[in-house]
């Protein structure tokens, strides 16, 4: 190999700290190969911040071409997850109605809830999930770092009432759909009013209708309704549907706008009743 000599001295590689002899263009063999292959020295290449290789991710590389989050996913699942439990809920707005997607712990979509689009800016500040009781819930921390839970329907009512709410009252979903959190479907109520707007619980009951039971002594269907913590008996009927109609009539009178009526044809034979 021909050595380049300047003023009687062998020229050294231009890279600071390198004592290698010049091979080409002022660099030793090692550094010349780096420039030829990468367009720059490896030390320069390492100094450039690298972005995670996952499309859409803007985080810096932590290991093996991935940011810390995606590297952990690859290490644990062997694949990149479409979303994680830390990702915000996806919200789609159409015709002033916001549809928010809800996911389980495995990041699988399990439900959607709707609310008024005017509340999106506030609602999107939190991560929401579906509770076992069917309500959409989230949590927040106060100034003392104490965690508090909250439901979406109470948050909507709180926002719509000027950031205030009567904590002694409950909130009723008028159509009984806990995923319909439109303001028009929510109303403040007492605990007893909330009970009025409920369907009959499932189970081994003598009748499928609310306010109707089979009375063994008379071998007839007995209708009754509860109001102001009192049980009001409405009579006994040969036909189960007539007893259900009697309950409906009383519910309209006593429960008013909170009345949840039985699904029966709208007729009643009150003369068939046996008053107690």
Foldseek 3Di string as FASTA:
>chain_A
DDFDDDPRHTQAAPDPPGRAGDDPPRHHPVQVVCCVVPVHGVVVVVVDFAAAPPPPGGDTDDPDRHNPVQVVCCVPVVDGDPDAQPDFWDWDDDPQKIKTFAADRVRHTDDIAIEGNVCCVVVRVWHWHADPVGFIKTWDADPVRDIDIDTPLVVRVCVVVPNDDDPQWDKAQQVNRNRYNYVVRIDTHHPVLNVQQDQDDDDPAQDNAPQWHQDPVVRFIWGWDDAPNDIGTQFTANDRLQSQLSNQVVCCVGSNSSHDGDPDPNDHDSVRGDDD
